[in-house]
C-alpha cells in the first residue's frame, strides 16, 4: 500500500491542530492549542499510541490508501479516524482505537 504523503501530511496538520469551522479565529487558536496539548499528553503518558505506531500496525488491514487522518475523543476514549480510498475510488472512514490499535468500525461514505 502506498501512502499519499502530501494530502496525508496536510490532513495530519489539520488533525493535530484540531481545526474546526465556524469558530472565531482567537477562539479557534485557544481550542486548537488545548486539543493539541491533550493529544500530546495522552501519547506521552502512554494512554494512546502514536499515529506512526498505529499506521504500522493497521496499514495492511485497511481497504485502500490513506487520504487523511483525524483524532477525536468519543465516549471517553480516543479514536483515530482514517479516511481511506480504495482502488475503485470508494471512500471509507475507518475508526481505530488509539489505545490498542484495534479497528472499531468501517463505514463507507
PDB file of N, CA and C in Angstrom:
ATOM      1  N   UNK A   1       0.846  -1.166   0.000  1.00  0.00           N
ATOM      2  CA  UNK A   1       0.000   0.000   0.000  1.00  0.00           C
ATOM      3  C   UNK A   1       0.887   1.223   0.000  1.00  0.00           C
ATOM      4  N   UNK A   2       0.439   2.231  -0.686  1.00  0.00           N
ATOM      5  CA  UNK A   2       1.210   3.446  -0.839  1.00  0.00           C
ATOM      6  C   UNK A   2       0.499   4.579  -0.105  1.00  0.00           C
ATOM      7  N   UNK A   3       1.240   5.315   0.703  1.00  0.00           N
ATOM      8  CA  UNK A   3       0.658   6.472   1.387  1.00  0.00           C
ATOM      9  C   UNK A   3       0.827   7.690   0.504  1.00  0.00           C
ATOM     10  N   UNK A   4      -0.200   8.480   0.415  1.00  0.00           N
ATOM     11  CA  UNK A   4      -0.119   9.728  -0.327  1.00  0.00           C
ATOM     12  C   UNK A   4       0.297  10.793   0.665  1.00  0.00           C
ATOM     13  N   UNK A   5       1.577  11.136   0.659  1.00  0.00           N
ATOM     14  CA  UNK A   5       2.145  11.933   1.734  1.00  0.00           C
ATOM     15  C   UNK A   5       1.640  13.364   1.775  1.00  0.00           C
ATOM     16  N   UNK A   6       1.464  14.032   0.631  1.00  0.00           N
ATOM     17  CA  UNK A   6       1.028  15.421   0.721  1.00  0.00           C
ATOM     18  C   UNK A   6      -0.355  15.544   1.339  1.00  0.00           C
ATOM     19  N   UNK A   7      -1.382  14.877   0.789  1.00  0.00           N
ATOM     20  CA  UNK A   7      -2.687  15.001   1.445  1.00  0.00           C
ATOM     21  C   UNK A   7      -2.648  14.448   2.865  1.00  0.00           C
ATOM     22  N   UNK A   8      -1.893  13.379   3.068  1.00  0.00           N
ATOM     23  CA  UNK A   8      -1.799  12.781   4.388  1.00  0.00           C
ATOM     24  C   UNK A   8      -1.162  13.766   5.357  1.00  0.00           C
ATOM     25  N   UNK A   9      -0.069  14.403   4.936  1.00  0.00           N
ATOM     26  CA  UNK A   9       0.610  15.369   5.791  1.00  0.00           C
ATOM     27  C   UNK A   9      -0.267  16.574   6.083  1.00  0.00           C
ATOM     28  N   UNK A  10      -0.978  17.048   5.076  1.00  0.00           N
ATOM     29  CA  UNK A  10      -1.891  18.162   5.284  1.00  0.00           C
ATOM     30  C   UNK A  10      -2.994  17.773   6.249  1.00  0.00           C
ATOM     31  N   UNK A  11      -3.549  16.592   6.072  1.00  0.00           N
ATOM     32  CA  UNK A  11      -4.605  16.129   6.976  1.00  0.00           C
ATOM     33  C   UNK A  11      -4.075  16.002   8.396  1.00  0.00           C
ATOM     34  N   UNK A  12      -2.835  15.543   8.541  1.00  0.00           N
ATOM     35  CA  UNK A  12      -2.259  15.404   9.875  1.00  0.00           C
ATOM     36  C   UNK A  12      -2.087  16.767  10.538  1.00  0.00           C
ATOM     37  N   UNK A  13      -1.649  17.762   9.767  1.00  0.00           N
ATOM     38  CA  UNK A  13      -1.522  19.104  10.327  1.00  0.00           C
ATOM     39  C   UNK A  13      -2.873  19.617  10.800  1.00  0.00           C
ATOM     40  N   UNK A  14      -3.893  19.427   9.980  1.00  0.00           N
ATOM     41  CA  UNK A  14      -5.230  19.878  10.358  1.00  0.00           C
ATOM     42  C   UNK A  14      -5.753  19.106  11.556  1.00  0.00           C
ATOM     43  N   UNK A  15      -5.517  17.803  11.563  1.00  0.00           N
ATOM     44  CA  UNK A  15      -5.998  16.986  12.688  1.00  0.00           C
ATOM     45  C   UNK A  15      -5.261  17.359  13.972  1.00  0.00           C
ATOM     46  N   UNK A  16      -3.960  17.534  13.872  1.00  0.00           N
ATOM     47  CA  UNK A  16      -3.192  17.888  15.069  1.00  0.00           C
ATOM     48  C   UNK A  16      -3.608  19.246  15.610  1.00  0.00           C
ATOM     49  N   UNK A  17      -3.948  20.135  14.702  1.00  0.00           N
ATOM     50  CA  UNK A  17      -4.380  21.459  15.133  1.00  0.00           C
ATOM     51  C   UNK A  17      -5.819  21.454  15.617  1.00  0.00           C
ATOM     52  N   UNK A  18      -6.572  20.415  15.258  1.00  0.00           N
ATOM     53  CA  UNK A  18      -7.966  20.336  15.667  1.00  0.00           C
ATOM     54  C   UNK A  18      -8.800  21.429  15.039  1.00  0.00           C
ATOM     55  N   UNK A  19      -8.473  21.791  13.798  1.00  0.00           N
ATOM     56  CA  UNK A  19      -9.164  22.899  13.155  1.00  0.00           C
ATOM     57  C   UNK A  19     -10.638  22.588  12.977  1.00  0.00           C
ATOM     58  N   UNK A  20     -11.456  23.551  13.342  1.00  0.00           N
ATOM     59  CA  UNK A  20     -12.892  23.420  13.160  1.00  0.00           C
ATOM     60  C   UNK A  20     -13.415  24.706  12.554  1.00  0.00           C
ATOM     61  N   UNK A  21     -14.426  24.571  11.742  1.00  0.00           N
ATOM     62  CA  UNK A  21     -15.026  25.743  11.121  1.00  0.00           C
ATOM     63  C   UNK A  21     -15.997  26.421  12.060  1.00  0.00           C
ATOM     64  N   UNK A  22     -16.286  27.680  11.771  1.00  0.00           N
ATOM     65  CA  UNK A  22     -17.308  28.398  12.498  1.00  0.00           C
ATOM     66  C   UNK A  22     -16.866  29.029  13.805  1.00  0.00           C
ATOM     67  N   UNK A  23     -15.634  28.843  14.211  1.00  0.00           N
ATOM     68  CA  UNK A  23     -15.163  29.467  15.441  1.00  0.00           C
ATOM     69  C   UNK A  23     -14.470  30.778  15.114  1.00  0.00           C
ATOM     70  N   UNK A  24     -14.575  31.716  16.026  1.00  0.00           N
ATOM     71  CA  UNK A  24     -13.840  32.966  15.893  1.00  0.00           C
ATOM     72  C   UNK A  24     -12.348  32.627  15.897  1.00  0.00           C
ATOM     73  N   UNK A  25     -11.540  33.288  15.063  1.00  0.00           N
ATOM     74  CA  UNK A  25     -10.114  32.916  14.983  1.00  0.00           C
ATOM     75  C   UNK A  25      -9.402  32.858  16.328  1.00  0.00           C
ATOM     76  N   UNK A  26      -9.635  33.805  17.211  1.00  0.00           N
ATOM     77  CA  UNK A  26      -8.969  33.772  18.515  1.00  0.00           C
ATOM     78  C   UNK A  26      -9.440  32.566  19.315  1.00  0.00           C
ATOM     79  N   UNK A  27     -10.736  32.278  19.285  1.00  0.00           N
ATOM     80  CA  UNK A  27     -11.270  31.117  19.997  1.00  0.00           C
ATOM     81  C   UNK A  27     -10.744  29.828  19.392  1.00  0.00           C
ATOM     82  N   UNK A  28     -10.627  29.785  18.081  1.00  0.00           N
ATOM     83  CA  UNK A  28     -10.110  28.591  17.419  1.00  0.00           C
ATOM     84  C   UNK A  28      -8.675  28.325  17.855  1.00  0.00           C
ATOM     85  N   UNK A  29      -7.859  29.380  17.977  1.00  0.00           N
ATOM     86  CA  UNK A  29      -6.476  29.198  18.396  1.00  0.00           C
ATOM     87  C   UNK A  29      -6.401  28.602  19.801  1.00  0.00           C
ATOM     88  N   UNK A  30      -7.213  29.096  20.726  1.00  0.00           N
ATOM     89  CA  UNK A  30      -7.230  28.570  22.090  1.00  0.00           C
ATOM     90  C   UNK A  30      -7.663  27.110  22.098  1.00  0.00           C
ATOM     91  N   UNK A  31      -8.721  26.810  21.363  1.00  0.00           N
ATOM     92  CA  UNK A  31      -9.247  25.441  21.290  1.00  0.00           C
ATOM     93  C   UNK A  31      -8.220  24.506  20.668  1.00  0.00           C
ATOM     94  N   UNK A  32      -7.571  24.972  19.591  1.00  0.00           N
ATOM     95  CA  UNK A  32      -6.571  24.164  18.904  1.00  0.00           C
ATOM     96  C   UNK A  32      -5.416  23.811  19.825  1.00  0.00           C
ATOM     97  N   UNK A  33      -4.942  24.798  20.563  1.00  0.00           N
ATOM     98  CA  UNK A  33      -3.818  24.574  21.470  1.00  0.00           C
ATOM     99  C   UNK A  33      -4.175  23.554  22.547  1.00  0.00           C
ATOM    100  N   UNK A  34      -5.360  23.678  23.114  1.00  0.00           N
ATOM    101  CA  UNK A  34      -5.785  22.750  24.168  1.00  0.00           C
ATOM    102  C   UNK A  34      -5.921  21.331  23.627  1.00  0.00           C
ATOM    103  N   UNK A  35      -6.514  21.198  22.444  1.00  0.00           N
ATOM    104  CA  UNK A  35      -6.696  19.866  21.853  1.00  0.00           C
ATOM    105  C   UNK A  35      -5.342  19.243  21.522  1.00  0.00           C
ATOM    106  N   UNK A  36      -4.475  20.040  20.921  1.00  0.00           N
ATOM    107  CA  UNK A  36      -3.146  19.545  20.562  1.00  0.00           C
ATOM    108  C   UNK A  36      -2.394  19.088  21.811  1.00  0.00           C
ATOM    109  N   UNK A  37      -2.462  19.899  22.856  1.00  0.00           N
ATOM    110  CA  UNK A  37      -1.793  19.548  24.113  1.00  0.00           C
ATOM    111  C   UNK A  37      -2.375  18.279  24.722  1.00  0.00           C
ATOM    112  N   UNK A  38      -3.684  18.123  24.659  1.00  0.00           N
ATOM    113  CA  UNK A  38      -4.331  16.934  25.226  1.00  0.00           C
ATOM    114  C   UNK A  38      -3.875  15.670  24.495  1.00  0.00           C
ATOM    115  N   UNK A  39      -3.781  15.740  23.187  1.00  0.00           N
ATOM    116  CA  UNK A  39      -3.335  14.585  22.401  1.00  0.00           C
ATOM    117  C   UNK A  39      -1.874  14.274  22.725  1.00  0.00           C
ATOM    118  N   UNK A  40      -1.046  15.305  22.764  1.00  0.00           N
ATOM    119  CA  UNK A  40       0.378  15.094  23.060  1.00  0.00           C
ATOM    120  C   UNK A  40       0.563  14.466  24.440  1.00  0.00           C
ATOM    121  N   UNK A  41      -0.158  14.989  25.442  1.00  0.00           N
ATOM    122  CA  UNK A  41      -0.059  14.432  26.799  1.00  0.00           C
ATOM    123  C   UNK A  41      -0.511  12.971  26.828  1.00  0.00           C
ATOM    124  N   UNK A  42      -1.568  12.657  26.100  1.00  0.00           N
ATOM    125  CA  UNK A  42      -2.065  11.280  26.074  1.00  0.00           C
ATOM    126  C   UNK A  42      -1.030  10.328  25.476  1.00  0.00           C
ATOM    127  N   UNK A  43      -0.350  10.762  24.418  1.00  0.00           N
ATOM    128  CA  UNK A  43       0.699   9.922  23.810  1.00  0.00           C
ATOM    129  C   UNK A  43       1.869   9.773  24.773  1.00  0.00           C
ATOM    130  N   UNK A  44       2.308  10.891  25.362  1.00  0.00           N
ATOM    131  CA  UNK A  44       3.445  10.853  26.280  1.00  0.00           C
ATOM    132  C   UNK A  44       3.161  10.006  27.514  1.00  0.00           C
ATOM    133  N   UNK A  45       1.924  10.009  27.976  1.00  0.00           N
ATOM    134  CA  UNK A  45       1.545   9.239  29.167  1.00  0.00           C
ATOM    135  C   UNK A  45       1.284   7.769  28.845  1.00  0.00           C
ATOM    136  N   UNK A  46       1.318   7.418  27.567  1.00  0.00           N
ATOM    137  CA  UNK A  46       1.064   6.029  27.183  1.00  0.00           C
ATOM    138  C   UNK A  46      -0.412   5.677  27.161  1.00  0.00           C
ATOM    139  N   UNK A  47      -1.273   6.680  27.241  1.00  0.00           N
ATOM    140  CA  UNK A  47      -2.713   6.426  27.182  1.00  0.00           C
ATOM    141  C   UNK A  47      -3.154   6.049  25.775  1.00  0.00           C
ATOM    142  N   UNK A  48      -2.482   6.617  24.791  1.00  0.00           N
ATOM    143  CA  UNK A  48      -2.764   6.283  23.399  1.00  0.00           C
ATOM    144  C   UNK A  48      -1.446   6.051  22.683  1.00  0.00           C
ATOM    145  N   UNK A  49      -1.520   5.347  21.573  1.00  0.00           N
ATOM    146  CA  UNK A  49      -0.332   5.076  20.770  1.00  0.00           C
ATOM    147  C   UNK A  49      -0.146   6.173  19.739  1.00  0.00           C
ATOM    148  N   UNK A  50       1.075   6.368  19.331  1.00  0.00           N
ATOM    149  CA  UNK A  50       1.362   7.385  18.322  1.00  0.00           C
ATOM    150  C   UNK A  50       0.753   6.977  16.984  1.00  0.00           C
ATOM    151  N   UNK A  51       0.501   7.967  16.164  1.00  0.00           N
ATOM    152  CA  UNK A  51      -0.050   7.703  14.845  1.00  0.00           C
ATOM    153  C   UNK A  51       0.878   6.805  14.031  1.00  0.00           C
ATOM    154  N   UNK A  52       2.182   7.021  14.137  1.00  0.00           N
ATOM    155  CA  UNK A  52       3.146   6.191  13.401  1.00  0.00           C
ATOM    156  C   UNK A  52       3.015   4.724  13.786  1.00  0.00           C
ATOM    157  N   UNK A  53       2.860   4.443  15.077  1.00  0.00           N
ATOM    158  CA  UNK A  53       2.693   3.056  15.531  1.00  0.00           C
ATOM    159  C   UNK A  53       1.396   2.458  15.013  1.00  0.00           C
ATOM    160  N   UNK A  54       0.323   3.242  15.069  1.00  0.00           N
ATOM    161  CA  UNK A  54      -0.975   2.757  14.601  1.00  0.00           C
ATOM    162  C   UNK A  54      -0.914   2.433  13.109  1.00  0.00           C
ATOM    163  N   UNK A  55      -0.347   3.343  12.321  1.00  0.00           N
ATOM    164  CA  UNK A  55      -0.246   3.108  10.873  1.00  0.00           C
ATOM    165  C   UNK A  55       0.557   1.848  10.589  1.00  0.00           C
ATOM    166  N   UNK A  56       1.664   1.653  11.285  1.00  0.00           N
ATOM    167  CA  UNK A  56       2.487   0.464  11.071  1.00  0.00           C
ATOM    168  C   UNK A  56       1.687  -0.813  11.326  1.00  0.00           C
ATOM    169  N   UNK A  57       0.801  -0.785  12.319  1.00  0.00           N
ATOM    170  CA  UNK A  57       0.025  -1.978  12.656  1.00  0.00           C
ATOM    171  C   UNK A  57      -1.170  -2.233  11.741  1.00  0.00           C
ATOM    172  N   UNK A  58      -1.818  -1.167  11.265  1.00  0.00           N
ATOM    173  CA  UNK A  58      -3.072  -1.367  10.530  1.00  0.00           C
ATOM    174  C   UNK A  58      -2.964  -1.180   9.021  1.00  0.00           C
ATOM    175  N   UNK A  59      -1.841  -0.732   8.550  1.00  0.00           N
ATOM    176  CA  UNK A  59      -1.684  -0.427   7.124  1.00  0.00           C
ATOM    177  C   UNK A  59      -2.202  -1.546   6.220  1.00  0.00           C
ATOM    178  N   UNK A  60      -1.838  -2.776   6.505  1.00  0.00           N
ATOM    179  CA  UNK A  60      -2.236  -3.897   5.652  1.00  0.00           C
ATOM    180  C   UNK A  60      -3.685  -4.330   5.864  1.00  0.00           C
ATOM    181  N   UNK A  61      -4.346  -3.818   6.879  1.00  0.00           N
ATOM    182  CA  UNK A  61      -5.734  -4.177   7.171  1.00  0.00           C
ATOM    183  C   UNK A  61      -6.733  -3.174   6.600  1.00  0.00           C
ATOM    184  N   UNK A  62      -6.239  -2.048   6.097  1.00  0.00           N
ATOM    185  CA  UNK A  62      -7.118  -1.014   5.578  1.00  0.00           C
ATOM    186  C   UNK A  62      -7.587  -1.357   4.163  1.00  0.00           C
ATOM    187  N   UNK A  63      -8.799  -0.919   3.798  1.00  0.00           N
ATOM    188  CA  UNK A  63      -9.348  -1.265   2.486  1.00  0.00           C
ATOM    189  C   UNK A  63      -8.804  -0.438   1.329  1.00  0.00           C
ATOM    190  N   UNK A  64      -7.763   0.367   1.536  1.00  0.00           N
ATOM    191  CA  UNK A  64      -7.204   1.180   0.461  1.00  0.00           C
ATOM    192  C   UNK A  64      -6.100   2.082   0.967  1.00  0.00           C
ATOM    193  N   UNK A  65      -5.904   3.202   0.263  1.00  0.00           N
ATOM    194  CA  UNK A  65      -4.855   4.164   0.594  1.00  0.00           C
ATOM    195  C   UNK A  65      -5.369   5.209   1.580  1.00  0.00           C
ATOM    196  N   UNK A  66      -4.522   5.591   2.505  1.00  0.00           N
ATOM    197  CA  UNK A  66      -4.881   6.612   3.487  1.00  0.00           C
ATOM    198  C   UNK A  66      -4.882   7.973   2.801  1.00  0.00           C
ATOM    199  N   UNK A  67      -6.008   8.684   2.931  1.00  0.00           N
ATOM    200  CA  UNK A  67      -6.131  10.016   2.344  1.00  0.00           C
ATOM    201  C   UNK A  67      -6.147  11.094   3.427  1.00  0.00           C
ATOM    202  N   UNK A  68      -6.435  10.712   4.669  1.00  0.00           N
ATOM    203  CA  UNK A  68      -6.469  11.681   5.744  1.00  0.00           C
ATOM    204  C   UNK A  68      -6.681  11.000   7.075  1.00  0.00           C
ATOM    205  N   UNK A  69      -6.318  11.699   8.143  1.00  0.00           N
ATOM    206  CA  UNK A  69      -6.447  11.159   9.493  1.00  0.00           C
ATOM    207  C   UNK A  69      -6.853  12.280  10.432  1.00  0.00           C
ATOM    208  N   UNK A  70      -7.741  11.956  11.350  1.00  0.00           N
ATOM    209  CA  UNK A  70      -8.089  12.860  12.438  1.00  0.00           C
ATOM    210  C   UNK A  70      -8.075  12.044  13.720  1.00  0.00           C
ATOM    211  N   UNK A  71      -7.997  12.739  14.830  1.00  0.00           N
ATOM    212  CA  UNK A  71      -8.137  12.062  16.110  1.00  0.00           C
ATOM    213  C   UNK A  71      -9.247  12.766  16.865  1.00  0.00           C
ATOM    214  N   UNK A  72     -10.079  11.973  17.516  1.00  0.00           N
ATOM    215  CA  UNK A  72     -11.203  12.547  18.247  1.00  0.00           C
ATOM    216  C   UNK A  72     -11.446  11.767  19.517  1.00  0.00           C
ATOM    217  N   UNK A  73     -12.103  12.422  20.432  1.00  0.00           N
ATOM    218  CA  UNK A  73     -12.463  11.771  21.689  1.00  0.00           C
ATOM    219  C   UNK A  73     -13.948  11.460  21.610  1.00  0.00           C
ATOM    220  N   UNK A  74     -14.288  10.185  21.757  1.00  0.00           N
ATOM    221  CA  UNK A  74     -15.671   9.742  21.642  1.00  0.00           C
ATOM    222  C   UNK A  74     -15.998   8.833  22.819  1.00  0.00           C
ATOM    223  N   UNK A  75     -16.994   9.235  23.593  1.00  0.00           N
ATOM    224  CA  UNK A  75     -17.436   8.452  24.755  1.00  0.00           C
ATOM    225  C   UNK A  75     -16.271   8.099  25.683  1.00  0.00           C
ATOM    226  N   UNK A  76     -15.409   9.091  25.926  1.00  0.00           N
ATOM    227  CA  UNK A  76     -14.317   8.917  26.869  1.00  0.00           C
ATOM    228  C   UNK A  76     -13.085   8.211  26.341  1.00  0.00           C
ATOM    229  N   UNK A  77     -13.062   7.871  25.063  1.00  0.00           N
ATOM    230  CA  UNK A  77     -11.856   7.223  24.522  1.00  0.00           C
ATOM    231  C   UNK A  77     -11.433   7.916  23.238  1.00  0.00           C
ATOM    232  N   UNK A  78     -10.152   7.817  22.967  1.00  0.00           N
ATOM    233  CA  UNK A  78      -9.586   8.419  21.771  1.00  0.00           C
ATOM    234  C   UNK A  78      -9.713   7.454  20.600  1.00  0.00           C
ATOM    235  N   UNK A  79     -10.109   7.994  19.448  1.00  0.00           N
ATOM    236  CA  UNK A  79     -10.192   7.215  18.210  1.00  0.00           C
ATOM    237  C   UNK A  79      -9.465   7.958  17.098  1.00  0.00           C
ATOM    238  N   UNK A  80      -8.662   7.202  16.339  1.00  0.00           N
ATOM    239  CA  UNK A  80      -8.128   7.745  15.100  1.00  0.00           C
ATOM    240  C   UNK A  80      -9.172   7.472  14.033  1.00  0.00           C
ATOM    241  N   UNK A  81      -9.499   8.476  13.244  1.00  0.00           N
ATOM    242  CA  UNK A  81     -10.429   8.303  12.128  1.00  0.00           C
ATOM    243  C   UNK A  81      -9.626   8.426  10.839  1.00  0.00           C
ATOM    244  N   UNK A  82      -9.490   7.310  10.150  1.00  0.00           N
ATOM    245  CA  UNK A  82      -8.761   7.294   8.885  1.00  0.00           C
ATOM    246  C   UNK A  82      -9.762   7.445   7.749  1.00  0.00           C
ATOM    247  N   UNK A  83      -9.448   8.281   6.789  1.00  0.00           N
ATOM    248  CA  UNK A  83     -10.215   8.348   5.554  1.00  0.00           C
ATOM    249  C   UNK A  83      -9.392   7.573   4.540  1.00  0.00           C
ATOM    250  N   UNK A  84     -10.026   6.586   3.952  1.00  0.00           N
ATOM    251  CA  UNK A  84      -9.328   5.646   3.079  1.00  0.00           C
ATOM    252  C   UNK A  84     -10.063   5.563   1.745  1.00  0.00           C
ATOM    253  N   UNK A  85      -9.311   5.566   0.658  1.00  0.00           N
ATOM    254  CA  UNK A  85      -9.889   5.446  -0.681  1.00  0.00           C
ATOM    255  C   UNK A  85      -9.386   4.153  -1.297  1.00  0.00           C
ATOM    256  N   UNK A  86     -10.342   3.319  -1.752  1.00  0.00           N
ATOM    257  CA  UNK A  86      -9.938   2.050  -2.359  1.00  0.00           C
ATOM    258  C   UNK A  86      -9.664   2.233  -3.849  1.00  0.00           C
ATOM    259  N   UNK A  87      -9.274   1.159  -4.511  1.00  0.00           N
ATOM    260  CA  UNK A  87      -8.883   1.221  -5.922  1.00  0.00           C
ATOM    261  C   UNK A  87     -10.030   1.614  -6.842  1.00  0.00           C
ATOM    262  N   UNK A  88     -11.255   1.411  -6.384  1.00  0.00           N
ATOM    263  CA  UNK A  88     -12.426   1.789  -7.197  1.00  0.00           C
ATOM    264  C   UNK A  88     -12.899   3.207  -6.898  1.00  0.00           C
ATOM    265  N   UNK A  89     -12.166   3.910  -6.023  1.00  0.00           N
ATOM    266  CA  UNK A  89     -12.498   5.289  -5.719  1.00  0.00           C
ATOM    267  C   UNK A  89     -13.516   5.466  -4.606  1.00  0.00           C
ATOM    268  N   UNK A  90     -13.876   4.391  -3.925  1.00  0.00           N
ATOM    269  CA  UNK A  90     -14.834   4.499  -2.820  1.00  0.00           C
ATOM    270  C   UNK A  90     -14.124   5.037  -1.587  1.00  0.00           C
ATOM    271  N   UNK A  91     -14.842   5.870  -0.827  1.00  0.00           N
ATOM    272  CA  UNK A  91     -14.303   6.477   0.382  1.00  0.00           C
ATOM    273  C   UNK A  91     -14.830   5.739   1.605  1.00  0.00           C
ATOM    274  N   UNK A  92     -13.927   5.411   2.509  1.00  0.00           N
ATOM    275  CA  UNK A  92     -14.274   4.744   3.756  1.00  0.00           C
ATOM    276  C   UNK A  92     -13.760   5.565   4.926  1.00  0.00           C
ATOM    277  N   UNK A  93     -14.477   5.521   6.025  1.00  0.00           N
ATOM    278  CA  UNK A  93     -13.983   6.024   7.293  1.00  0.00           C
ATOM    279  C   UNK A  93     -13.711   4.800   8.149  1.00  0.00           C
ATOM    280  N   UNK A  94     -12.486   4.700   8.640  1.00  0.00           N
ATOM    281  CA  UNK A  94     -12.072   3.574   9.469  1.00  0.00           C
ATOM    282  C   UNK A  94     -11.718   4.136  10.837  1.00  0.00           C
ATOM    283  N   UNK A  95     -12.437   3.677  11.861  1.00  0.00           N
ATOM    284  CA  UNK A  95     -12.225   4.156  13.225  1.00  0.00           C
ATOM    285  C   UNK A  95     -11.371   3.142  13.976  1.00  0.00           C
ATOM    286  N   UNK A  96     -10.272   3.630  14.555  1.00  0.00           N
ATOM    287  CA  UNK A  96      -9.301   2.763  15.210  1.00  0.00           C
ATOM    288  C   UNK A  96      -9.088   3.242  16.637  1.00  0.00           C
ATOM    289  N   UNK A  97      -9.182   2.324  17.578  1.00  0.00           N
ATOM    290  CA  UNK A  97      -8.944   2.646  18.983  1.00  0.00           C
ATOM    291  C   UNK A  97      -7.495   3.101  19.130  1.00  0.00           C
ATOM    292  N   UNK A  98      -7.293   4.308  19.653  1.00  0.00           N
ATOM    293  CA  UNK A  98      -5.949   4.878  19.762  1.00  0.00           C
ATOM    294  C   UNK A  98      -5.129   4.226  20.857  1.00  0.00           C
ATOM    295  N   UNK A  99      -5.769   3.517  21.763  1.00  0.00           N
ATOM    296  CA  UNK A  99      -5.044   2.869  22.853  1.00  0.00           C
ATOM    297  C   UNK A  99      -4.423   1.550  22.410  1.00  0.00           C
ATOM    298  N   UNK A 100      -5.223   0.722  21.717  1.00  0.00           N
ATOM    299  CA  UNK A 100      -4.709  -0.612  21.382  1.00  0.00           C
ATOM    300  C   UNK A 100      -4.598  -0.891  19.880  1.00  0.00           C
ATOM    301  N   UNK A 101      -5.043   0.036  19.041  1.00  0.00           N
ATOM    302  CA  UNK A 101      -4.882  -0.131  17.600  1.00  0.00           C
ATOM    303  C   UNK A 101      -5.898  -1.042  16.929  1.00  0.00           C
ATOM    304  N   UNK A 102      -6.948  -1.416  17.643  1.00  0.00           N
ATOM    305  CA  UNK A 102      -7.951  -2.295  17.028  1.00  0.00           C
ATOM    306  C   UNK A 102      -8.919  -1.465  16.176  1.00  0.00           C
ATOM    307  N   UNK A 103      -9.300  -2.049  15.053  1.00  0.00           N
ATOM    308  CA  UNK A 103     -10.285  -1.407  14.190  1.00  0.00           C
ATOM    309  C   UNK A 103     -11.650  -1.574  14.844  1.00  0.00           C
ATOM    310  N   UNK A 104     -12.307  -0.454  15.101  1.00  0.00           N
ATOM    311  CA  UNK A 104     -13.606  -0.476  15.780  1.00  0.00           C
ATOM    312  C   UNK A 104     -14.755  -0.592  14.796  1.00  0.00           C
ATOM    313  N   UNK A 105     -14.666   0.150  13.702  1.00  0.00           N
ATOM    314  CA  UNK A 105     -15.709   0.077  12.684  1.00  0.00           C
ATOM    315  C   UNK A 105     -15.190   0.663  11.386  1.00  0.00           C
ATOM    316  N   UNK A 106     -15.811   0.222  10.296  1.00  0.00           N
ATOM    317  CA  UNK A 106     -15.504   0.720   8.967  1.00  0.00           C
ATOM    318  C   UNK A 106     -16.825   1.154   8.350  1.00  0.00           C
ATOM    319  N   UNK A 107     -16.844   2.379   7.843  1.00  0.00           N
ATOM    320  CA  UNK A 107     -18.079   2.912   7.291  1.00  0.00           C
ATOM    321  C   UNK A 107     -17.782   3.453   5.893  1.00  0.00           C
ATOM    322  N   UNK A 108     -18.549   2.979   4.909  1.00  0.00           N
ATOM    323  CA  UNK A 108     -18.394   3.510   3.550  1.00  0.00           C
ATOM    324  C   UNK A 108     -19.168   4.814   3.458  1.00  0.00           C
ATOM    325  N   UNK A 109     -18.564   5.814   2.881  1.00  0.00           N
ATOM    326  CA  UNK A 109     -19.214   7.126   2.732  1.00  0.00           C
ATOM    327  C   UNK A 109     -19.824   7.286   1.371  1.00  0.00           C
TER     328      UNK A 109
END
